[in-house]
């Protein structure tokens, strides 16, 4: 039985460099292939989870800052414009605090969602380097090759037994 080793790299450049080095170290070029793989559901869910967590935190912080700014504006308007008394102060402070809280929180959310930078909503696809190890019968050699791939930047290594192709 032959073994297939799949090594996942985050970047195409790292996978190409690993392929070049593995071929330079004696693995036949025909046994090494590169392919761009679709990210798994786990990877996509983790990315979306991080984005949503960031959105919630930024909106909450911006809303809290907006509340403080609105309250300060309400106090300033009460002193300069009125109405007089404690009720007037409460109305000004609460009204402007709610208004600024909603306005700044929504602006922060809209700006963050409108940002389509590669860092947040990336189209990055992991690159899979596949090694068809037909000549390697010893697991020691396969493990050494897997360790070398990790040194070269592989984030995941997977071994699969496969039937040899008829010649």
Protein backbone atom coordinates (compact mmCIF):
# COMPACT_ATOMS: atom_id res chain seq x y z
CA UNK A 1 0.00 0.00 0.00
CA UNK A 2 1.20 3.48 -0.82
CA UNK A 3 0.70 6.49 1.39
CA UNK A 4 -0.58 9.92 0.49
CA UNK A 5 0.51 12.80 2.68
CA UNK A 6 -1.60 15.96 2.59
CA UNK A 7 -0.01 19.09 4.03
CA UNK A 8 -2.10 22.25 4.37
CA UNK A 9 -0.42 25.64 4.06
CA UNK A 10 -2.02 29.00 4.78
CA UNK A 11 -0.31 30.73 1.85
CA UNK A 12 0.42 29.62 -1.69
CA UNK A 13 3.96 31.00 -1.55
CA UNK A 14 4.83 28.81 1.45
CA UNK A 15 3.34 25.73 -0.25
CA UNK A 16 5.30 26.39 -3.46
CA UNK A 17 8.52 26.83 -1.50
CA UNK A 18 7.85 23.61 0.42
CA UNK A 19 7.21 21.78 -2.86
CA UNK A 20 10.45 23.09 -4.29
CA UNK A 21 12.43 22.06 -1.23
CA UNK A 22 10.85 18.60 -0.97
CA UNK A 23 11.64 17.94 -4.64
CA UNK A 24 15.17 19.22 -4.05
CA UNK A 25 15.51 16.72 -1.21
CA UNK A 26 14.81 13.74 -3.44
CA UNK A 27 11.04 13.27 -3.80
CA UNK A 28 10.01 12.82 -7.43
CA UNK A 29 8.32 15.89 -8.90
CA UNK A 30 5.54 13.72 -10.35
CA UNK A 31 4.62 12.61 -6.82
CA UNK A 32 4.10 16.15 -5.52
CA UNK A 33 1.06 18.22 -6.44
CA UNK A 34 -0.36 21.53 -5.26
CA UNK A 35 -4.05 22.36 -5.10
CA UNK A 36 -6.07 25.22 -3.65
CA UNK A 37 -8.65 23.80 -1.26
CA UNK A 38 -11.89 25.33 -0.15
CA UNK A 39 -11.84 26.25 3.53
CA UNK A 40 -13.68 23.88 5.79
CA UNK A 41 -16.89 24.78 7.54
CA UNK A 42 -14.97 24.96 10.82
CA UNK A 43 -12.53 27.50 9.38
CA UNK A 44 -15.31 29.64 7.90
CA UNK A 45 -17.34 29.51 11.12
CA UNK A 46 -14.31 30.52 13.18
CA UNK A 47 -13.60 33.46 10.86
CA UNK A 48 -17.22 34.62 10.99
CA UNK A 49 -17.29 34.18 14.76
CA UNK A 50 -14.21 36.38 15.17
CA UNK A 51 -15.74 39.01 12.90
CA UNK A 52 -19.05 39.01 14.77
CA UNK A 53 -17.30 39.20 18.14
CA UNK A 54 -15.27 42.17 16.89
CA UNK A 55 -18.41 43.89 15.57
CA UNK A 56 -20.25 43.45 18.88
CA UNK A 57 -17.33 44.74 20.96
CA UNK A 58 -16.76 47.79 18.74
CA UNK A 59 -20.46 48.67 18.63
CA UNK A 60 -20.80 48.35 22.41
CA UNK A 61 -17.72 50.50 23.04
CA UNK A 62 -18.81 53.11 20.48
CA UNK A 63 -22.32 53.18 21.96
CA UNK A 64 -20.92 53.65 25.46
CA UNK A 65 -18.74 56.51 24.21
CA UNK A 66 -21.75 57.99 22.43
CA UNK A 67 -23.78 57.83 25.63
CA UNK A 68 -21.09 59.73 27.53
CA UNK A 69 -20.78 62.34 24.78
CA UNK A 70 -24.55 62.73 24.59
CA UNK A 71 -24.85 63.10 28.35
CA UNK A 72 -22.14 65.78 28.35
CA UNK A 73 -23.90 67.57 25.50
CA UNK A 74 -27.18 67.37 27.43
CA UNK A 75 -25.57 68.98 30.50
CA UNK A 76 -24.02 71.70 28.32
CA UNK A 77 -27.35 72.43 26.59
CA UNK A 78 -29.16 72.50 29.95
CA UNK A 79 -26.72 75.12 31.22
CA UNK A 80 -26.78 77.22 28.03
CA UNK A 81 -30.36 76.81 26.78
CA UNK A 82 -32.47 75.22 29.52
CA UNK A 83 -35.10 74.19 30.54
CA UNK A 84 -34.58 75.09 34.17
CA UNK A 85 -34.71 72.67 37.10
CA UNK A 86 -33.91 69.07 37.73
CA UNK A 87 -36.55 67.80 35.31
CA UNK A 88 -35.08 69.92 32.53
CA UNK A 89 -31.60 68.56 33.25
CA UNK A 90 -32.85 64.96 33.23
CA UNK A 91 -34.75 65.47 29.96
CA UNK A 92 -31.74 67.05 28.22
CA UNK A 93 -29.23 64.48 29.50
CA UNK A 94 -31.38 61.42 28.78
CA UNK A 95 -32.53 62.63 25.37
CA UNK A 96 -29.06 63.51 24.12
CA UNK A 97 -27.48 60.42 25.69
CA UNK A 98 -29.95 58.13 23.87
CA UNK A 99 -29.57 60.04 20.59
CA UNK A 100 -25.74 59.98 20.61
CA UNK A 101 -25.69 56.37 21.85
CA UNK A 102 -27.77 55.20 18.88
CA UNK A 103 -26.11 57.47 16.33
CA UNK A 104 -22.49 56.65 17.16
CA UNK A 105 -23.19 52.94 17.73
CA UNK A 106 -24.92 52.62 14.36
CA UNK A 107 -22.19 54.55 12.57
CA UNK A 108 -19.55 52.29 14.08
CA UNK A 109 -21.47 49.18 13.01
CA UNK A 110 -22.09 50.44 9.50
CA UNK A 111 -18.46 51.49 9.03
CA UNK A 112 -17.20 48.14 10.26
CA UNK A 113 -19.57 46.17 8.05
CA UNK A 114 -18.76 48.37 5.05
CA UNK A 115 -15.04 47.65 5.49
CA UNK A 116 -14.28 44.84 3.04
CA UNK A 117 -10.60 44.63 3.78
CA UNK A 118 -8.79 41.35 3.21
CA UNK A 119 -8.16 41.08 6.94
CA UNK A 120 -11.84 40.76 7.83
CA UNK A 121 -13.66 39.27 4.89
CA UNK A 122 -10.79 37.47 3.25
CA UNK A 123 -10.95 35.17 0.29
CA UNK A 124 -7.91 33.29 1.50
CA UNK A 125 -7.98 29.62 0.67
CA UNK A 126 -5.58 27.16 2.19
CA UNK A 127 -3.19 25.48 -0.23
CA UNK A 128 -2.87 21.71 -0.06
CA UNK A 129 0.42 20.07 -0.98
CA UNK A 130 -0.17 16.39 -1.74
CA UNK A 131 2.69 13.89 -1.75
CA UNK A 132 2.07 10.48 -3.28
CA UNK A 133 4.69 8.40 -1.49
CA UNK A 134 4.72 5.23 -3.55
CA UNK A 135 8.34 4.36 -2.77
CA UNK A 136 8.14 4.99 0.96
CA UNK A 137 7.24 1.82 2.76
CA UNK A 138 8.61 2.69 6.16
CA UNK A 139 6.52 4.89 8.41
CA UNK A 140 9.77 6.33 9.78
CA UNK A 141 10.47 7.96 6.40
CA UNK A 142 6.91 9.22 6.14
CA UNK A 143 7.08 10.74 9.62
CA UNK A 144 10.39 12.39 8.81
CA UNK A 145 8.82 13.88 5.69
CA UNK A 146 5.81 15.09 7.71
CA UNK A 147 8.15 16.69 10.26
CA UNK A 148 10.02 18.41 7.41
CA UNK A 149 6.71 19.73 6.01
CA UNK A 150 5.83 21.14 9.45
CA UNK A 151 9.23 22.87 9.52
CA UNK A 152 8.39 24.39 6.15
CA UNK A 153 5.14 25.86 7.49
CA UNK A 154 2.41 23.24 7.11
CA UNK A 155 -0.45 23.84 9.51
CA UNK A 156 -2.04 20.40 9.12
CA UNK A 157 -0.63 17.02 8.06
CA UNK A 158 -2.87 14.11 7.08
CA UNK A 159 -1.82 10.57 6.12
CA UNK A 160 -4.03 8.44 3.90
CA UNK A 161 -3.45 4.89 2.74
CA UNK A 162 -4.26 4.41 -0.91
CA UNK A 163 -4.12 1.50 -3.26
CA UNK A 164 -1.22 1.66 -5.70
CA UNK A 165 -2.14 2.68 -9.23
CA UNK A 166 -1.83 -0.15 -11.78
CA UNK A 167 0.97 0.35 -14.28
